[in-house]
Amino acid sequence: MTKHPAGKLFRLIGADGAVYSSETKGTFGGHRKTRVYGALDCKAASRAIAKGVQYEKARVFFANEADARAAGYRPCAVCMREANDAWKRAST
């Protein structure tokens, strides 16, 4: 994980659902309102950020996939299709 230039702090969500400030972005990104997490280079998230739909205000990060799942987030259907399919099967 690399540190963001200019000392910006990122909101990381732990497995307990608590928010932590960190200089490192994490390995997965998520969206607080939709409770979806995915790869940092996800095309769906990139499109939302580019549109300026205030997506970044609700953006959070996770150190790993286990923390994202434990915090109640589901895998993205765009960048994590297989994990999302498995999540759907487990949820029914």
PDB file of N, CA and C in Angstrom:
ATOM      1  N   MET A   1       0.840  -1.173   0.000  1.00  0.00           N
ATOM      2  CA  MET A   1       0.000   0.000   0.000  1.00  0.00           C
ATOM      3  C   MET A   1       0.890   1.242   0.000  1.00  0.00           C
ATOM      4  N   THR A   2       0.514   2.206  -0.794  1.00  0.00           N
ATOM      5  CA  THR A   2       1.304   3.427  -0.873  1.00  0.00           C
ATOM      6  C   THR A   2       0.590   4.563  -0.167  1.00  0.00           C
ATOM      7  N   LYS A   3       1.374   5.481   0.324  1.00  0.00           N
ATOM      8  CA  LYS A   3       0.798   6.654   0.983  1.00  0.00           C
ATOM      9  C   LYS A   3       0.387   7.681  -0.053  1.00  0.00           C
ATOM     10  N   HIS A   4      -0.678   8.365   0.219  1.00  0.00           N
ATOM     11  CA  HIS A   4      -1.192   9.400  -0.669  1.00  0.00           C
ATOM     12  C   HIS A   4      -0.348  10.655  -0.498  1.00  0.00           C
ATOM     13  N   PRO A   5      -0.004  11.311  -1.604  1.00  0.00           N
ATOM     14  CA  PRO A   5       0.741  12.561  -1.483  1.00  0.00           C
ATOM     15  C   PRO A   5      -0.075  13.629  -0.756  1.00  0.00           C
ATOM     16  N   ALA A   6       0.585  14.546  -0.184  1.00  0.00           N
ATOM     17  CA  ALA A   6      -0.017  15.695   0.506  1.00  0.00           C
ATOM     18  C   ALA A   6      -0.662  15.314   1.830  1.00  0.00           C
ATOM     19  N   GLY A   7      -0.410  14.100   2.331  1.00  0.00           N
ATOM     20  CA  GLY A   7      -0.872  13.711   3.646  1.00  0.00           C
ATOM     21  C   GLY A   7      -2.369  13.575   3.808  1.00  0.00           C
ATOM     22  N   LYS A   8      -3.114  13.360   2.737  1.00  0.00           N
ATOM     23  CA  LYS A   8      -4.561  13.174   2.830  1.00  0.00           C
ATOM     24  C   LYS A   8      -4.862  11.930   3.654  1.00  0.00           C
ATOM     25  N   LEU A   9      -5.885  12.010   4.485  1.00  0.00           N
ATOM     26  CA  LEU A   9      -6.301  10.856   5.264  1.00  0.00           C
ATOM     27  C   LEU A   9      -7.488  10.176   4.598  1.00  0.00           C
ATOM     28  N   PHE A  10      -7.481   8.864   4.639  1.00  0.00           N
ATOM     29  CA  PHE A  10      -8.553   8.066   4.068  1.00  0.00           C
ATOM     30  C   PHE A  10      -9.370   7.442   5.184  1.00  0.00           C
ATOM     31  N   ARG A  11     -10.654   7.209   4.914  1.00  0.00           N
ATOM     32  CA  ARG A  11     -11.530   6.536   5.878  1.00  0.00           C
ATOM     33  C   ARG A  11     -11.467   5.042   5.602  1.00  0.00           C
ATOM     34  N   LEU A  12     -10.845   4.295   6.495  1.00  0.00           N
ATOM     35  CA  LEU A  12     -10.838   2.848   6.409  1.00  0.00           C
ATOM     36  C   LEU A  12     -11.876   2.313   7.379  1.00  0.00           C
ATOM     37  N   ILE A  13     -12.574   1.288   6.945  1.00  0.00           N
ATOM     38  CA  ILE A  13     -13.573   0.654   7.789  1.00  0.00           C
ATOM     39  C   ILE A  13     -12.983  -0.671   8.259  1.00  0.00           C
ATOM     40  N   GLY A  14     -12.992  -0.898   9.552  1.00  0.00           N
ATOM     41  CA  GLY A  14     -12.478  -2.145  10.107  1.00  0.00           C
ATOM     42  C   GLY A  14     -13.543  -3.223  10.110  1.00  0.00           C
ATOM     43  N   ALA A  15     -13.137  -4.441  10.447  1.00  0.00           N
ATOM     44  CA  ALA A  15     -14.064  -5.566  10.498  1.00  0.00           C
ATOM     45  C   ALA A  15     -15.204  -5.314  11.484  1.00  0.00           C
ATOM     46  N   ASP A  16     -14.951  -4.482  12.495  1.00  0.00           N
ATOM     47  CA  ASP A  16     -15.973  -4.158  13.483  1.00  0.00           C
ATOM     48  C   ASP A  16     -16.924  -3.058  13.005  1.00  0.00           C
ATOM     49  N   GLY A  17     -16.695  -2.547  11.801  1.00  0.00           N
ATOM     50  CA  GLY A  17     -17.537  -1.491  11.245  1.00  0.00           C
ATOM     51  C   GLY A  17     -17.131  -0.096  11.669  1.00  0.00           C
ATOM     52  N   ALA A  18     -16.136   0.017  12.534  1.00  0.00           N
ATOM     53  CA  ALA A  18     -15.668   1.326  12.992  1.00  0.00           C
ATOM     54  C   ALA A  18     -14.827   1.999  11.910  1.00  0.00           C
ATOM     55  N   VAL A  19     -14.868   3.319  11.889  1.00  0.00           N
ATOM     56  CA  VAL A  19     -14.119   4.104  10.910  1.00  0.00           C
ATOM     57  C   VAL A  19     -12.767   4.482  11.504  1.00  0.00           C
ATOM     58  N   TYR A  20     -11.718   4.291  10.708  1.00  0.00           N
ATOM     59  CA  TYR A  20     -10.367   4.642  11.117  1.00  0.00           C
ATOM     60  C   TYR A  20      -9.771   5.579  10.082  1.00  0.00           C
ATOM     61  N   SER A  21      -9.018   6.560  10.521  1.00  0.00           N
ATOM     62  CA  SER A  21      -8.294   7.437   9.605  1.00  0.00           C
ATOM     63  C   SER A  21      -6.932   6.816   9.332  1.00  0.00           C
ATOM     64  N   SER A  22      -6.526   6.846   8.067  1.00  0.00           N
ATOM     65  CA  SER A  22      -5.259   6.250   7.684  1.00  0.00           C
ATOM     66  C   SER A  22      -4.647   7.037   6.534  1.00  0.00           C
ATOM     67  N   GLU A  23      -3.334   7.103   6.509  1.00  0.00           N
ATOM     68  CA  GLU A  23      -2.644   7.724   5.375  1.00  0.00           C
ATOM     69  C   GLU A  23      -2.585   6.780   4.186  1.00  0.00           C
ATOM     70  N   THR A  24      -2.853   5.508   4.411  1.00  0.00           N
ATOM     71  CA  THR A  24      -2.862   4.538   3.323  1.00  0.00           C
ATOM     72  C   THR A  24      -4.284   4.249   2.898  1.00  0.00           C
ATOM     73  N   LYS A  25      -4.477   4.136   1.604  1.00  0.00           N
ATOM     74  CA  LYS A  25      -5.812   4.009   1.026  1.00  0.00           C
ATOM     75  C   LYS A  25      -6.473   2.672   1.343  1.00  0.00           C
ATOM     76  N   GLY A  26      -5.726   1.610   1.441  1.00  0.00           N
ATOM     77  CA  GLY A  26      -6.310   0.283   1.588  1.00  0.00           C
ATOM     78  C   GLY A  26      -6.254  -0.431   0.257  1.00  0.00           C
ATOM     79  N   THR A  27      -6.762  -1.660   0.213  1.00  0.00           N
ATOM     80  CA  THR A  27      -6.689  -2.443  -1.022  1.00  0.00           C
ATOM     81  C   THR A  27      -8.029  -2.574  -1.730  1.00  0.00           C
ATOM     82  N   PHE A  28      -9.116  -2.205  -1.057  1.00  0.00           N
ATOM     83  CA  PHE A  28     -10.452  -2.236  -1.654  1.00  0.00           C
ATOM     84  C   PHE A  28     -11.157  -0.930  -1.335  1.00  0.00           C
ATOM     85  N   GLY A  29     -11.985  -0.487  -2.259  1.00  0.00           N
ATOM     86  CA  GLY A  29     -12.779   0.710  -2.047  1.00  0.00           C
ATOM     87  C   GLY A  29     -14.227   0.316  -1.835  1.00  0.00           C
ATOM     88  N   GLY A  30     -14.967   1.157  -1.139  1.00  0.00           N
ATOM     89  CA  GLY A  30     -16.372   0.880  -0.908  1.00  0.00           C
ATOM     90  C   GLY A  30     -17.186   2.160  -0.930  1.00  0.00           C
ATOM     91  N   HIS A  31     -18.493   1.988  -0.881  1.00  0.00           N
ATOM     92  CA  HIS A  31     -19.415   3.120  -0.879  1.00  0.00           C
ATOM     93  C   HIS A  31     -20.367   2.941   0.296  1.00  0.00           C
ATOM     94  N   ARG A  32     -20.343   3.892   1.224  1.00  0.00           N
ATOM     95  CA  ARG A  32     -21.144   3.780   2.448  1.00  0.00           C
ATOM     96  C   ARG A  32     -22.631   3.620   2.187  1.00  0.00           C
ATOM     97  N   LYS A  33     -23.174   4.320   1.221  1.00  0.00           N
ATOM     98  CA  LYS A  33     -24.625   4.298   1.007  1.00  0.00           C
ATOM     99  C   LYS A  33     -25.096   2.990   0.368  1.00  0.00           C
ATOM    100  N   THR A  34     -24.349   2.472  -0.597  1.00  0.00           N
ATOM    101  CA  THR A  34     -24.766   1.239  -1.265  1.00  0.00           C
ATOM    102  C   THR A  34     -24.230  -0.003  -0.571  1.00  0.00           C
ATOM    103  N   ARG A  35     -23.240   0.174   0.333  1.00  0.00           N
ATOM    104  CA  ARG A  35     -22.604  -0.931   1.055  1.00  0.00           C
ATOM    105  C   ARG A  35     -22.011  -1.965   0.104  1.00  0.00           C
ATOM    106  N   VAL A  36     -21.364  -1.462  -0.952  1.00  0.00           N
ATOM    107  CA  VAL A  36     -20.692  -2.290  -1.950  1.00  0.00           C
ATOM    108  C   VAL A  36     -19.201  -1.997  -1.866  1.00  0.00           C
ATOM    109  N   TYR A  37     -18.370  -3.032  -2.029  1.00  0.00           N
ATOM    110  CA  TYR A  37     -16.924  -2.838  -2.079  1.00  0.00           C
ATOM    111  C   TYR A  37     -16.378  -3.494  -3.342  1.00  0.00           C
ATOM    112  N   GLY A  38     -15.236  -3.002  -3.790  1.00  0.00           N
ATOM    113  CA  GLY A  38     -14.623  -3.573  -4.984  1.00  0.00           C
ATOM    114  C   GLY A  38     -13.180  -3.133  -5.135  1.00  0.00           C
ATOM    115  N   ALA A  39     -12.628  -3.478  -6.288  1.00  0.00           N
ATOM    116  CA  ALA A  39     -11.239  -3.146  -6.596  1.00  0.00           C
ATOM    117  C   ALA A  39     -11.082  -1.633  -6.720  1.00  0.00           C
ATOM    118  N   LEU A  40      -9.893  -1.152  -6.391  1.00  0.00           N
ATOM    119  CA  LEU A  40      -9.648   0.294  -6.468  1.00  0.00           C
ATOM    120  C   LEU A  40      -9.750   0.819  -7.898  1.00  0.00           C
ATOM    121  N   ASP A  41      -9.536  -0.055  -8.883  1.00  0.00           N
ATOM    122  CA  ASP A  41      -9.616   0.367 -10.283  1.00  0.00           C
ATOM    123  C   ASP A  41     -10.939  -0.053 -10.941  1.00  0.00           C
ATOM    124  N   CYS A  42     -11.979  -0.248 -10.154  1.00  0.00           N
ATOM    125  CA  CYS A  42     -13.287  -0.663 -10.665  1.00  0.00           C
ATOM    126  C   CYS A  42     -13.817   0.366 -11.673  1.00  0.00           C
ATOM    127  N   LYS A  43     -14.281  -0.125 -12.811  1.00  0.00           N
ATOM    128  CA  LYS A  43     -14.805   0.770 -13.850  1.00  0.00           C
ATOM    129  C   LYS A  43     -16.084   1.477 -13.393  1.00  0.00           C
ATOM    130  N   ALA A  44     -16.926   0.795 -12.650  1.00  0.00           N
ATOM    131  CA  ALA A  44     -18.178   1.415 -12.193  1.00  0.00           C
ATOM    132  C   ALA A  44     -17.890   2.559 -11.221  1.00  0.00           C
ATOM    133  N   ALA A  45     -16.979   2.343 -10.291  1.00  0.00           N
ATOM    134  CA  ALA A  45     -16.618   3.401  -9.338  1.00  0.00           C
ATOM    135  C   ALA A  45     -15.926   4.549 -10.057  1.00  0.00           C
ATOM    136  N   SER A  46     -15.051   4.224 -10.994  1.00  0.00           N
ATOM    137  CA  SER A  46     -14.344   5.269 -11.754  1.00  0.00           C
ATOM    138  C   SER A  46     -15.323   6.148 -12.525  1.00  0.00           C
ATOM    139  N   ARG A  47     -16.352   5.533 -13.122  1.00  0.00           N
ATOM    140  CA  ARG A  47     -17.375   6.306 -13.849  1.00  0.00           C
ATOM    141  C   ARG A  47     -18.140   7.219 -12.894  1.00  0.00           C
ATOM    142  N   ALA A  48     -18.504   6.710 -11.727  1.00  0.00           N
ATOM    143  CA  ALA A  48     -19.249   7.520 -10.758  1.00  0.00           C
ATOM    144  C   ALA A  48     -18.412   8.691 -10.274  1.00  0.00           C
ATOM    145  N   ILE A  49     -17.142   8.457 -10.017  1.00  0.00           N
ATOM    146  CA  ILE A  49     -16.249   9.530  -9.580  1.00  0.00           C
ATOM    147  C   ILE A  49     -16.102  10.572 -10.680  1.00  0.00           C
ATOM    148  N   ALA A  50     -15.952  10.125 -11.929  1.00  0.00           N
ATOM    149  CA  ALA A  50     -15.785  11.042 -13.060  1.00  0.00           C
ATOM    150  C   ALA A  50     -17.023  11.908 -13.287  1.00  0.00           C
ATOM    151  N   LYS A  51     -18.199  11.375 -12.996  1.00  0.00           N
ATOM    152  CA  LYS A  51     -19.439  12.136 -13.175  1.00  0.00           C
ATOM    153  C   LYS A  51     -19.590  13.228 -12.126  1.00  0.00           C
ATOM    154  N   GLY A  52     -18.820  13.124 -11.047  1.00  0.00           N
ATOM    155  CA  GLY A  52     -18.936  14.120  -9.995  1.00  0.00           C
ATOM    156  C   GLY A  52     -20.219  14.001  -9.217  1.00  0.00           C
ATOM    157  N   VAL A  53     -20.685  12.807  -9.036  1.00  0.00           N
ATOM    158  CA  VAL A  53     -21.964  12.555  -8.381  1.00  0.00           C
ATOM    159  C   VAL A  53     -21.799  12.500  -6.859  1.00  0.00           C
ATOM    160  N   GLN A  54     -20.835  13.187  -6.363  1.00  0.00           N
ATOM    161  CA  GLN A  54     -20.520  13.213  -4.943  1.00  0.00           C
ATOM    162  C   GLN A  54     -20.237  11.824  -4.405  1.00  0.00           C
ATOM    163  N   TYR A  55     -19.810  10.939  -5.289  1.00  0.00           N
ATOM    164  CA  TYR A  55     -19.473   9.568  -4.924  1.00  0.00           C
ATOM    165  C   TYR A  55     -18.344   9.544  -3.898  1.00  0.00           C
ATOM    166  N   GLU A  56     -17.390  10.431  -4.093  1.00  0.00           N
ATOM    167  CA  GLU A  56     -16.212  10.425  -3.222  1.00  0.00           C
ATOM    168  C   GLU A  56     -16.535  10.776  -1.769  1.00  0.00           C
ATOM    169  N   LYS A  57     -17.602  11.513  -1.530  1.00  0.00           N
ATOM    170  CA  LYS A  57     -17.964  11.849  -0.148  1.00  0.00           C
ATOM    171  C   LYS A  57     -18.382  10.608   0.634  1.00  0.00           C
ATOM    172  N   ALA A  58     -18.906   9.619  -0.051  1.00  0.00           N
ATOM    173  CA  ALA A  58     -19.351   8.386   0.599  1.00  0.00           C
ATOM    174  C   ALA A  58     -18.346   7.249   0.410  1.00  0.00           C
ATOM    175  N   ARG A  59     -17.186   7.561  -0.155  1.00  0.00           N
ATOM    176  CA  ARG A  59     -16.168   6.543  -0.444  1.00  0.00           C
ATOM    177  C   ARG A  59     -15.415   6.183   0.825  1.00  0.00           C
ATOM    178  N   VAL A  60     -15.250   4.897   1.041  1.00  0.00           N
ATOM    179  CA  VAL A  60     -14.475   4.377   2.160  1.00  0.00           C
ATOM    180  C   VAL A  60     -13.516   3.331   1.612  1.00  0.00           C
ATOM    181  N   PHE A  61     -12.583   2.915   2.438  1.00  0.00           N
ATOM    182  CA  PHE A  61     -11.585   1.951   2.000  1.00  0.00           C
ATOM    183  C   PHE A  61     -11.435   0.853   3.034  1.00  0.00           C
ATOM    184  N   PHE A  62     -10.991  -0.295   2.577  1.00  0.00           N
ATOM    185  CA  PHE A  62     -10.776  -1.452   3.435  1.00  0.00           C
ATOM    186  C   PHE A  62      -9.357  -1.964   3.245  1.00  0.00           C
ATOM    187  N   ALA A  63      -8.749  -2.392   4.337  1.00  0.00           N
ATOM    188  CA  ALA A  63      -7.408  -2.949   4.264  1.00  0.00           C
ATOM    189  C   ALA A  63      -7.424  -4.280   3.510  1.00  0.00           C
ATOM    190  N   ASN A  64      -8.540  -5.016   3.617  1.00  0.00           N
ATOM    191  CA  ASN A  64      -8.640  -6.313   2.932  1.00  0.00           C
ATOM    192  C   ASN A  64     -10.107  -6.685   2.727  1.00  0.00           C
ATOM    193  N   GLU A  65     -10.312  -7.740   1.966  1.00  0.00           N
ATOM    194  CA  GLU A  65     -11.672  -8.162   1.630  1.00  0.00           C
ATOM    195  C   GLU A  65     -12.421  -8.691   2.861  1.00  0.00           C
ATOM    196  N   ALA A  66     -11.718  -9.355   3.765  1.00  0.00           N
ATOM    197  CA  ALA A  66     -12.360  -9.888   4.965  1.00  0.00           C
ATOM    198  C   ALA A  66     -12.967  -8.761   5.808  1.00  0.00           C
ATOM    199  N   ASP A  67     -12.258  -7.631   5.918  1.00  0.00           N
ATOM    200  CA  ASP A  67     -12.797  -6.492   6.669  1.00  0.00           C
ATOM    201  C   ASP A  67     -14.048  -5.944   5.997  1.00  0.00           C
ATOM    202  N   ALA A  68     -14.041  -5.870   4.674  1.00  0.00           N
ATOM    203  CA  ALA A  68     -15.204  -5.357   3.945  1.00  0.00           C
ATOM    204  C   ALA A  68     -16.425  -6.234   4.192  1.00  0.00           C
ATOM    205  N   ARG A  69     -16.251  -7.532   4.098  1.00  0.00           N
ATOM    206  CA  ARG A  69     -17.369  -8.457   4.311  1.00  0.00           C
ATOM    207  C   ARG A  69     -17.849  -8.421   5.757  1.00  0.00           C
ATOM    208  N   ALA A  70     -16.900  -8.408   6.696  1.00  0.00           N
ATOM    209  CA  ALA A  70     -17.265  -8.385   8.115  1.00  0.00           C
ATOM    210  C   ALA A  70     -18.021  -7.110   8.473  1.00  0.00           C
ATOM    211  N   ALA A  71     -17.728  -6.012   7.776  1.00  0.00           N
ATOM    212  CA  ALA A  71     -18.402  -4.742   8.030  1.00  0.00           C
ATOM    213  C   ALA A  71     -19.771  -4.673   7.354  1.00  0.00           C
ATOM    214  N   GLY A  72     -20.156  -5.737   6.640  1.00  0.00           N
ATOM    215  CA  GLY A  72     -21.483  -5.793   6.038  1.00  0.00           C
ATOM    216  C   GLY A  72     -21.572  -5.303   4.613  1.00  0.00           C
ATOM    217  N   TYR A  73     -20.446  -5.204   3.920  1.00  0.00           N
ATOM    218  CA  TYR A  73     -20.436  -4.775   2.525  1.00  0.00           C
ATOM    219  C   TYR A  73     -20.448  -5.998   1.621  1.00  0.00           C
ATOM    220  N   ARG A  74     -21.053  -5.843   0.441  1.00  0.00           N
ATOM    221  CA  ARG A  74     -21.100  -6.947  -0.523  1.00  0.00           C
ATOM    222  C   ARG A  74     -20.170  -6.654  -1.685  1.00  0.00           C
ATOM    223  N   PRO A  75     -19.713  -7.693  -2.388  1.00  0.00           N
ATOM    224  CA  PRO A  75     -18.810  -7.494  -3.521  1.00  0.00           C
ATOM    225  C   PRO A  75     -19.508  -6.808  -4.704  1.00  0.00           C
ATOM    226  N   CYS A  76     -18.763  -6.012  -5.427  1.00  0.00           N
ATOM    227  CA  CYS A  76     -19.258  -5.307  -6.616  1.00  0.00           C
ATOM    228  C   CYS A  76     -19.566  -6.304  -7.731  1.00  0.00           C
ATOM    229  N   ALA A  77     -20.685  -6.104  -8.406  1.00  0.00           N
ATOM    230  CA  ALA A  77     -21.075  -6.982  -9.507  1.00  0.00           C
ATOM    231  C   ALA A  77     -20.284  -6.694 -10.778  1.00  0.00           C
ATOM    232  N   VAL A  78     -19.613  -5.549 -10.848  1.00  0.00           N
ATOM    233  CA  VAL A  78     -18.858  -5.184 -12.042  1.00  0.00           C
ATOM    234  C   VAL A  78     -17.430  -5.732 -11.988  1.00  0.00           C
ATOM    235  N   CYS A  79     -16.695  -5.383 -10.945  1.00  0.00           N
ATOM    236  CA  CYS A  79     -15.280  -5.754 -10.894  1.00  0.00           C
ATOM    237  C   CYS A  79     -15.016  -7.047 -10.123  1.00  0.00           C
ATOM    238  N   MET A  80     -16.015  -7.530  -9.403  1.00  0.00           N
ATOM    239  CA  MET A  80     -15.837  -8.746  -8.609  1.00  0.00           C
ATOM    240  C   MET A  80     -17.008  -9.698  -8.863  1.00  0.00           C
ATOM    241  N   ARG A  81     -17.255  -9.959 -10.135  1.00  0.00           N
ATOM    242  CA  ARG A  81     -18.442 -10.730 -10.541  1.00  0.00           C
ATOM    243  C   ARG A  81     -18.528 -12.088  -9.840  1.00  0.00           C
ATOM    244  N   GLU A  82     -17.438 -12.853  -9.819  1.00  0.00           N
ATOM    245  CA  GLU A  82     -17.485 -14.187  -9.211  1.00  0.00           C
ATOM    246  C   GLU A  82     -17.794 -14.104  -7.714  1.00  0.00           C
ATOM    247  N   ALA A  83     -17.154 -13.187  -7.019  1.00  0.00           N
ATOM    248  CA  ALA A  83     -17.416 -13.020  -5.584  1.00  0.00           C
ATOM    249  C   ALA A  83     -18.853 -12.557  -5.356  1.00  0.00           C
ATOM    250  N   ASN A  84     -19.365 -11.706  -6.241  1.00  0.00           N
ATOM    251  CA  ASN A  84     -20.745 -11.235  -6.131  1.00  0.00           C
ATOM    252  C   ASN A  84     -21.713 -12.384  -6.360  1.00  0.00           C
ATOM    253  N   ASP A  85     -21.440 -13.226  -7.359  1.00  0.00           N
ATOM    254  CA  ASP A  85     -22.302 -14.385  -7.623  1.00  0.00           C
ATOM    255  C   ASP A  85     -22.334 -15.314  -6.411  1.00  0.00           C
ATOM    256  N   ALA A  86     -21.168 -15.548  -5.805  1.00  0.00           N
ATOM    257  CA  ALA A  86     -21.100 -16.405  -4.613  1.00  0.00           C
ATOM    258  C   ALA A  86     -21.852 -15.768  -3.455  1.00  0.00           C
ATOM    259  N   TRP A  87     -21.754 -14.465  -3.310  1.00  0.00           N
ATOM    260  CA  TRP A  87     -22.468 -13.737  -2.260  1.00  0.00           C
ATOM    261  C   TRP A  87     -23.976 -13.900  -2.455  1.00  0.00           C
ATOM    262  N   LYS A  88     -24.442 -13.779  -3.707  1.00  0.00           N
ATOM    263  CA  LYS A  88     -25.872 -13.937  -4.003  1.00  0.00           C
ATOM    264  C   LYS A  88     -26.346 -15.336  -3.650  1.00  0.00           C
ATOM    265  N   ARG A  89     -25.567 -16.353  -4.039  1.00  0.00           N
ATOM    266  CA  ARG A  89     -25.960 -17.735  -3.741  1.00  0.00           C
ATOM    267  C   ARG A  89     -26.037 -17.960  -2.225  1.00  0.00           C
ATOM    268  N   ALA A  90     -25.108 -17.424  -1.484  1.00  0.00           N
ATOM    269  CA  ALA A  90     -25.070 -17.587  -0.036  1.00  0.00           C
ATOM    270  C   ALA A  90     -26.205 -16.825   0.643  1.00  0.00           C
ATOM    271  N   SER A  91     -26.678 -15.745   0.008  1.00  0.00           N
ATOM    272  CA  SER A  91     -27.714 -14.907   0.605  1.00  0.00           C
ATOM    273  C   SER A  91     -29.128 -15.464   0.401  1.00  0.00           C
ATOM    274  N   THR A  92     -29.270 -16.405  -0.515  1.00  0.00           N
ATOM    275  CA  THR A  92     -30.631 -16.925  -0.797  1.00  0.00           C
ATOM    276  C   THR A  92     -30.927 -18.180  -0.037  1.00  0.00           C
TER     277      THR A  92
END
